[in-house]
N, C-alpha and C. Protein backbone atom coordinates (compact mmCIF):
# COMPACT_ATOMS: atom_id res chain seq x y z
N MET A 1 18.58 -9.26 -9.45
CA MET A 1 18.06 -9.01 -8.07
C MET A 1 17.00 -10.30 -7.94
N THR A 2 16.91 -11.05 -6.82
CA THR A 2 16.19 -12.52 -6.57
C THR A 2 14.17 -11.98 -6.17
N GLU A 3 13.86 -12.66 -6.41
CA GLU A 3 12.63 -12.84 -6.35
C GLU A 3 12.16 -12.53 -4.61
N ALA A 4 11.00 -11.57 -4.32
CA ALA A 4 10.64 -11.07 -3.07
C ALA A 4 9.96 -12.09 -2.53
N ARG A 5 10.39 -12.69 -1.26
CA ARG A 5 9.85 -13.61 -0.24
C ARG A 5 8.76 -13.49 0.85
N VAL A 6 8.56 -14.16 0.96
CA VAL A 6 7.47 -13.75 2.91
C VAL A 6 8.39 -14.51 3.84
N GLU A 7 8.69 -13.76 4.43
CA GLU A 7 9.23 -14.13 6.26
C GLU A 7 8.59 -13.89 7.26
N ASP A 8 8.61 -15.07 7.96
CA ASP A 8 8.15 -15.17 9.43
C ASP A 8 9.34 -13.67 10.30
N VAL A 9 8.58 -13.14 11.27
CA VAL A 9 9.62 -12.41 12.14
C VAL A 9 8.18 -11.86 13.24
N TYR A 10 8.70 -10.83 14.17
CA TYR A 10 8.43 -11.14 15.82
C TYR A 10 6.96 -9.89 15.49
N ALA A 11 5.48 -10.26 15.51
CA ALA A 11 4.23 -9.59 15.84
C ALA A 11 4.55 -7.99 16.06
N ASP A 12 4.75 -7.19 16.19
CA ASP A 12 4.71 -6.13 16.52
C ASP A 12 3.51 -4.61 16.23
N ARG A 13 2.57 -4.55 17.01
CA ARG A 13 1.49 -3.87 17.25
C ARG A 13 1.97 -2.12 16.67
N LEU A 14 3.32 -1.82 17.79
CA LEU A 14 3.69 -0.60 17.68
C LEU A 14 4.44 -0.48 16.56
N GLY A 15 5.35 -0.89 16.27
CA GLY A 15 5.86 -1.13 14.46
C GLY A 15 5.00 -1.03 13.94
N ALA A 16 4.01 -1.29 13.74
CA ALA A 16 2.29 -1.77 12.84
C ALA A 16 2.23 -0.20 13.00
N LYS A 17 1.95 0.12 14.10
CA LYS A 17 1.08 1.48 14.39
C LYS A 17 1.83 2.49 13.77
N VAL A 18 2.99 2.30 13.57
CA VAL A 18 4.70 3.92 13.23
C VAL A 18 4.12 3.44 11.82
N TYR A 19 4.03 1.85 10.93
CA TYR A 19 3.59 2.46 8.92
C TYR A 19 2.19 2.41 9.05
N LEU A 20 1.43 2.53 10.06
CA LEU A 20 -0.31 3.14 10.13
C LEU A 20 0.31 4.87 9.74
N GLU A 21 1.30 5.50 9.93
CA GLU A 21 0.96 7.00 10.31
C GLU A 21 1.65 7.09 9.29
N GLN A 22 2.58 6.47 8.98
CA GLN A 22 3.67 6.85 7.98
C GLN A 22 2.64 6.81 6.27
N ALA A 23 2.12 5.18 6.70
CA ALA A 23 0.61 5.55 5.60
C ALA A 23 -0.58 6.88 5.46
N GLU A 24 -0.91 7.15 6.69
CA GLU A 24 -1.64 8.33 6.39
C GLU A 24 -0.92 9.60 6.33
N ALA A 25 0.23 9.40 6.70
CA ALA A 25 1.22 10.50 6.10
C ALA A 25 1.30 10.75 4.87
N PHE A 26 1.78 9.96 4.45
CA PHE A 26 1.70 9.93 2.71
C PHE A 26 0.02 10.05 2.49
N LEU A 27 -0.33 9.44 2.72
CA LEU A 27 -1.75 9.85 1.74
C LEU A 27 -2.32 11.56 1.82
N ALA A 28 -2.65 11.52 3.11
CA ALA A 28 -2.13 13.91 3.58
C ALA A 28 -1.40 14.20 2.64
N ASP A 29 -0.20 14.24 2.26
CA ASP A 29 0.35 14.39 1.62
C ASP A 29 0.08 14.62 -0.42
N ALA A 30 0.10 13.27 -0.62
CA ALA A 30 -0.76 13.26 -1.82
C ALA A 30 -2.34 14.23 -2.38
N ALA A 31 -2.61 14.80 -1.10
CA ALA A 31 -3.81 15.75 -1.07
C ALA A 31 -3.31 16.97 -1.43
N VAL A 32 -1.59 16.90 -1.04
CA VAL A 32 -1.60 18.90 -1.19
C VAL A 32 -1.73 19.63 -2.21
N ALA A 33 -2.31 21.03 -2.50
CA ALA A 33 -2.65 21.44 -3.00
C ALA A 33 -1.39 22.04 -4.87
N GLY A 34 -1.94 21.67 -5.77
CA GLY A 34 -0.94 22.51 -6.55
C GLY A 34 0.22 21.04 -6.23
N LEU A 35 0.32 19.72 -6.51
CA LEU A 35 1.21 18.56 -6.02
C LEU A 35 0.46 17.76 -7.60
N GLY A 36 1.68 18.02 -8.77
CA GLY A 36 1.52 17.71 -9.40
C GLY A 36 0.69 15.74 -9.64
N ALA A 37 0.43 15.59 -11.02
CA ALA A 37 -0.57 13.95 -10.95
C ALA A 37 0.40 12.52 -10.77
N ALA A 38 1.66 12.77 -11.40
CA ALA A 38 2.77 11.81 -11.12
C ALA A 38 3.29 11.87 -9.51
N SER A 39 3.06 13.03 -8.79
CA SER A 39 3.95 13.22 -7.10
C SER A 39 2.35 12.06 -6.32
N GLN A 40 1.31 12.91 -7.12
CA GLN A 40 0.39 12.23 -6.04
C GLN A 40 -0.50 10.87 -6.29
N ALA A 41 0.52 10.59 -7.62
CA ALA A 41 0.51 9.12 -7.10
C ALA A 41 1.64 8.40 -7.35
N VAL A 42 2.84 8.44 -6.63
CA VAL A 42 4.01 7.58 -5.86
C VAL A 42 3.31 8.11 -4.61
N LEU A 43 2.88 9.49 -4.12
CA LEU A 43 2.40 8.87 -2.74
C LEU A 43 1.32 8.36 -2.18
N VAL A 44 0.16 7.90 -3.29
CA VAL A 44 -0.86 7.54 -2.95
C VAL A 44 -0.26 5.95 -2.62
N HIS A 45 0.61 5.41 -3.61
CA HIS A 45 0.74 3.87 -3.63
C HIS A 45 1.88 3.78 -3.24
N ASN A 46 2.79 4.47 -2.41
CA ASN A 46 3.38 4.40 -0.79
C ASN A 46 2.30 4.33 0.55
N ALA A 47 1.97 4.98 0.36
CA ALA A 47 0.70 4.84 1.47
C ALA A 47 0.09 3.26 1.79
N ALA A 48 0.00 2.93 0.19
CA ALA A 48 -0.80 1.39 0.09
C ALA A 48 0.57 0.76 0.55
N ILE A 49 1.34 0.94 0.03
CA ILE A 49 2.59 -0.37 1.06
C ILE A 49 2.63 0.19 2.04
N SER A 50 2.83 1.00 2.93
CA SER A 50 3.30 1.11 4.38
C SER A 50 2.06 0.94 4.40
N ALA A 51 0.46 0.86 4.70
CA ALA A 51 -0.29 -0.31 4.98
C ALA A 51 -0.59 -1.04 4.85
N CYS A 52 0.18 -1.74 4.22
CA CYS A 52 0.41 -3.11 3.93
C CYS A 52 1.57 -3.47 4.72
N ASP A 53 2.72 -2.64 5.02
CA ASP A 53 3.68 -3.61 5.81
C ASP A 53 3.03 -3.14 7.28
N ALA A 54 2.09 -2.64 7.75
CA ALA A 54 1.47 -2.81 8.76
C ALA A 54 0.42 -3.79 9.15
N ILE A 55 -0.03 -3.87 8.42
CA ILE A 55 -0.69 -5.14 8.45
C ILE A 55 -0.14 -6.49 9.10
N LEU A 56 0.80 -6.68 8.14
CA LEU A 56 2.07 -7.60 7.48
C LEU A 56 2.27 -7.15 9.30
N GLN A 57 3.15 -6.38 9.51
CA GLN A 57 4.24 -6.04 10.97
C GLN A 57 3.50 -6.75 12.39
N ALA A 58 1.93 -6.79 12.08
CA ALA A 58 1.06 -7.01 12.85
C ALA A 58 1.18 -8.67 12.83
N VAL A 59 0.84 -9.17 12.31
CA VAL A 59 0.92 -11.05 12.26
C VAL A 59 2.24 -11.19 11.86
N GLY A 60 2.84 -10.55 12.16
CA GLY A 60 4.62 -11.93 11.44
C GLY A 60 4.74 -11.85 10.90
N LEU A 61 4.67 -10.83 9.73
CA LEU A 61 5.22 -11.25 8.61
C LEU A 61 5.70 -9.92 8.42
N ARG A 62 7.02 -10.43 6.87
CA ARG A 62 7.63 -9.12 5.97
C ARG A 62 7.11 -9.74 4.34
N VAL A 63 7.78 -8.68 3.99
CA VAL A 63 8.18 -9.33 2.19
C VAL A 63 9.83 -9.01 2.01
N THR A 64 10.61 -9.37 1.77
CA THR A 64 11.88 -9.28 1.32
C THR A 64 12.13 -8.09 0.42
N PRO A 65 13.00 -7.84 0.05
CA PRO A 65 13.13 -6.91 -0.97
C PRO A 65 13.42 -7.55 -2.24
N GLY A 66 13.71 -7.74 -3.43
CA GLY A 66 13.51 -8.10 -4.58
C GLY A 66 12.45 -7.75 -5.50
N ASP A 67 12.84 -8.64 -6.39
CA ASP A 67 11.77 -8.91 -7.88
C ASP A 67 10.20 -9.26 -7.09
N GLY A 68 8.93 -7.96 -7.72
CA GLY A 68 8.06 -8.18 -7.40
C GLY A 68 7.42 -8.21 -5.97
N ALA A 69 8.19 -6.98 -5.10
CA ALA A 69 7.90 -7.23 -3.93
C ALA A 69 6.65 -5.95 -3.74
N HIS A 70 6.52 -4.99 -4.41
CA HIS A 70 5.34 -4.22 -3.74
C HIS A 70 3.80 -5.08 -3.90
N VAL A 71 4.21 -5.80 -5.40
CA VAL A 71 2.80 -6.93 -6.29
C VAL A 71 2.60 -7.60 -5.07
N LYS A 72 3.61 -8.99 -4.08
CA LYS A 72 3.49 -9.46 -3.14
C LYS A 72 3.27 -8.74 -1.92
N ARG A 73 3.67 -8.05 -1.30
CA ARG A 73 3.42 -7.31 -0.36
C ARG A 73 1.55 -6.99 -0.24
N LEU A 74 1.17 -6.74 -1.30
CA LEU A 74 -0.31 -6.03 -1.03
C LEU A 74 -0.70 -7.49 -1.42
N GLU A 75 -0.36 -8.54 -2.43
CA GLU A 75 -1.05 -9.55 -2.17
C GLU A 75 -1.29 -10.27 -0.83
N THR A 76 -0.30 -10.57 -0.09
CA THR A 76 -0.01 -11.24 1.41
C THR A 76 -0.47 -10.30 1.81
N ALA A 77 -0.91 -9.00 2.26
CA ALA A 77 -1.65 -7.87 3.63
C ALA A 77 -2.85 -8.57 2.95
N LEU A 78 -3.38 -8.35 1.99
CA LEU A 78 -4.62 -8.45 1.60
C LEU A 78 -5.21 -9.90 1.82
N GLU A 79 -4.24 -11.05 2.24
CA GLU A 79 -4.89 -12.68 2.45
C GLU A 79 -4.74 -12.41 3.47
N GLN A 80 -4.85 -11.54 4.50
CA GLN A 80 -4.51 -11.38 6.46
C GLN A 80 -5.75 -10.82 6.90
N ILE A 81 -6.59 -10.59 5.59
CA ILE A 81 -7.48 -9.94 6.06
C ILE A 81 -9.07 -10.80 5.40
N ASP A 82 -10.01 -11.04 6.78
CA ASP A 82 -11.24 -12.46 6.79
C ASP A 82 -12.54 -12.02 6.01
N GLU A 83 -11.91 -11.20 4.85
CA GLU A 83 -13.08 -11.43 3.85
C GLU A 83 -12.72 -10.47 2.34
N ASP A 84 -13.78 -10.89 1.77
CA ASP A 84 -13.52 -10.38 0.31
C ASP A 84 -12.45 -9.19 0.09
N THR A 85 -11.20 -9.95 -0.22
CA THR A 85 -10.56 -8.27 -1.06
C THR A 85 -9.95 -8.57 -2.58
N TYR A 86 -10.64 -9.41 -3.20
CA TYR A 86 -10.54 -9.44 -4.64
C TYR A 86 -9.89 -8.02 -5.15
N GLU A 87 -11.42 -8.36 -5.23
CA GLU A 87 -11.67 -6.27 -6.36
C GLU A 87 -10.46 -4.95 -5.51
N LEU A 88 -10.92 -5.21 -4.63
CA LEU A 88 -9.81 -3.95 -3.87
C LEU A 88 -8.68 -4.57 -4.01
N LEU A 89 -7.85 -5.41 -4.07
CA LEU A 89 -6.55 -5.96 -4.62
C LEU A 89 -6.62 -5.28 -6.03
N GLU A 90 -7.36 -6.02 -7.44
CA GLU A 90 -7.48 -5.69 -8.27
C GLU A 90 -7.16 -4.01 -8.79
N ARG A 91 -7.72 -2.90 -7.75
CA ARG A 91 -7.65 -1.80 -7.67
C ARG A 91 -6.33 -0.91 -7.11
N LEU A 92 -5.82 -1.61 -6.04
CA LEU A 92 -4.11 -1.05 -5.55
C LEU A 92 -3.20 -1.65 -6.71
N ASP A 93 -3.24 -2.53 -7.24
CA ASP A 93 -2.68 -3.07 -8.73
C ASP A 93 -2.55 -2.42 -9.10
N ALA A 94 -4.15 -1.43 -9.97
CA ALA A 94 -3.78 -0.68 -11.24
C ALA A 94 -3.06 0.45 -10.57
N SER A 95 -3.30 0.58 -9.32
CA SER A 95 -2.68 2.27 -8.66
C SER A 95 -1.11 1.91 -8.88
N ARG A 96 -0.85 0.60 -8.10
CA ARG A 96 0.46 0.68 -8.63
C ARG A 96 1.46 0.70 -10.09
N GLU A 97 0.42 0.23 -10.95
CA GLU A 97 1.49 -0.16 -12.42
C GLU A 97 0.87 1.56 -13.18
N ARG A 98 -0.14 2.34 -12.14
CA ARG A 98 0.07 3.70 -13.11
C ARG A 98 1.38 4.58 -11.82
N ARG A 99 1.75 4.04 -10.82
CA ARG A 99 2.40 4.81 -10.11
C ARG A 99 4.30 4.95 -10.90
N ASN A 100 4.29 3.02 -11.76
CA ASN A 100 5.61 3.03 -12.24
C ASN A 100 5.62 3.64 -13.44
N GLU A 101 4.13 3.38 -14.45
CA GLU A 101 4.31 4.31 -15.67
C GLU A 101 4.18 6.18 -14.85
N ALA A 102 3.95 6.22 -13.84
CA ALA A 102 4.48 8.16 -13.96
C ALA A 102 6.23 7.98 -13.96
N SER A 103 6.58 6.73 -12.67
CA SER A 103 7.47 6.58 -12.55
C SER A 103 8.98 6.43 -13.45
N TYR A 104 8.86 5.61 -13.80
CA TYR A 104 9.91 5.32 -14.98
C TYR A 104 9.01 5.83 -16.66
N ALA A 105 7.60 5.81 -16.77
CA ALA A 105 7.94 5.95 -18.07
C ALA A 105 7.47 7.13 -18.13
N ALA A 106 7.15 8.77 -17.16
CA ALA A 106 6.18 9.32 -17.16
C ALA A 106 5.58 9.71 -18.25
N ALA A 107 4.78 8.63 -18.06
CA ALA A 107 3.03 8.31 -18.40
C ALA A 107 2.44 9.62 -17.57
N PHE A 108 1.26 10.19 -18.49
CA PHE A 108 -0.18 11.00 -18.18
C PHE A 108 -0.86 9.75 -17.50
N VAL A 109 -1.40 10.65 -15.95
CA VAL A 109 -1.98 9.96 -14.92
C VAL A 109 -2.95 10.90 -14.96
N PRO A 110 -4.13 9.88 -15.38
CA PRO A 110 -5.78 10.62 -14.98
C PRO A 110 -6.45 11.11 -14.16
N GLU A 111 -6.66 11.95 -13.43
CA GLU A 111 -7.61 12.69 -12.34
C GLU A 111 -7.91 10.99 -11.67
N ALA A 112 -9.17 11.03 -12.90
CA ALA A 112 -10.11 9.40 -12.33
C ALA A 112 -9.50 8.69 -11.82
N SER A 113 -7.82 8.38 -12.18
CA SER A 113 -7.39 7.05 -11.80
C SER A 113 -6.72 7.24 -10.63
N LEU A 114 -6.91 8.46 -10.50
CA LEU A 114 -6.24 9.08 -8.58
C LEU A 114 -7.21 9.12 -8.12
N GLU A 115 -8.21 9.38 -8.41
CA GLU A 115 -9.14 9.46 -7.62
C GLU A 115 -9.04 7.98 -6.92
N ASP A 116 -9.71 6.95 -7.52
CA ASP A 116 -9.73 5.65 -7.87
C ASP A 116 -9.09 4.89 -6.97
N ALA A 117 -7.31 5.48 -6.53
CA ALA A 117 -6.21 4.65 -5.87
C ALA A 117 -6.71 5.43 -4.54
N ARG A 118 -7.20 6.94 -4.99
CA ARG A 118 -7.33 7.26 -3.43
C ARG A 118 -8.47 6.65 -2.63
N GLU A 119 -9.42 6.46 -2.84
CA GLU A 119 -10.48 5.57 -2.26
C GLU A 119 -9.80 4.49 -2.27
N ALA A 120 -9.09 3.26 -2.75
CA ALA A 120 -8.78 1.86 -2.58
C ALA A 120 -7.78 2.43 -1.41
N THR A 121 -6.67 3.12 -1.50
CA THR A 121 -6.23 3.25 -0.23
C THR A 121 -6.43 3.26 0.94
N ALA A 122 -7.73 4.43 1.20
CA ALA A 122 -8.41 4.36 2.55
C ALA A 122 -9.42 3.49 3.02
N GLU A 123 -9.53 2.52 1.44
CA GLU A 123 -10.06 1.79 2.07
C GLU A 123 -8.93 0.50 2.74
N LEU A 124 -8.40 0.57 2.33
CA LEU A 124 -6.58 0.08 2.69
C LEU A 124 -6.49 0.08 4.27
N LEU A 125 -6.73 1.48 4.05
CA LEU A 125 -6.03 2.00 5.52
C LEU A 125 -6.73 1.62 6.68
N GLU A 126 -8.46 1.44 6.37
CA GLU A 126 -9.01 1.32 7.63
C GLU A 126 -8.60 -0.51 7.56
N LEU A 127 -8.59 -1.15 6.92
CA LEU A 127 -9.07 -2.67 6.71
C LEU A 127 -7.38 -2.94 7.41
N ALA A 128 -6.77 -2.24 7.51
CA ALA A 128 -4.92 -1.80 8.19
C ALA A 128 -5.68 -1.65 10.04
N ARG A 129 -6.29 -0.45 9.65
CA ARG A 129 -6.61 0.28 11.73
C ARG A 129 -7.02 -1.22 11.92
N ARG A 130 -7.43 -1.99 11.28
CA ARG A 130 -8.43 -2.63 12.23
C ARG A 130 -7.84 -4.35 12.34
N VAL A 131 -7.04 -4.25 11.58
CA VAL A 131 -6.49 -5.47 11.21
C VAL A 131 -4.85 -5.35 13.43
N VAL A 132 -4.37 -4.19 13.03
CA VAL A 132 -3.62 -3.79 14.14
C VAL A 132 -3.76 -3.58 14.97
N ASP A 133 -5.50 -2.74 15.31
CA ASP A 133 -6.13 -2.76 16.68
C ASP A 133 -6.71 -3.89 16.86
N ASP A 134 -7.10 -5.22 16.06
CA ASP A 134 -7.13 -6.73 16.65
C ASP A 134 -5.93 -7.54 17.22
N LYS A 135 -4.89 -7.15 17.09
CA LYS A 135 -3.69 -7.64 17.70
C LYS A 135 -3.11 -7.48 19.05
């Protein structure tokens, strides 16, 4: 597989809002009672990726499929924010790694790490809303 890369696309606020709605739905679904920790981790990560796609669509960018696409989405989306997002990127990348462990290695996902992932993703969603509304 090839490395993911960033491409210019048509900036589309309506399309970005669809990604935001998808992100909100994934995050809400992750809070369903009785859902296992691994499933929650996957849904929270999907919410973060959808929020990134909203930001990217709003500014006229997209990340192609390929190796490292999720990391590139996180990095590129947060680069579009006009404030320091280094710590948020670290927290979201840790969430991505937990999702990988849960999905591919059947690893245990601690509740504390899930809570941090939820909080980081909610913060990302708020930033994404601002970007989409400002464009």
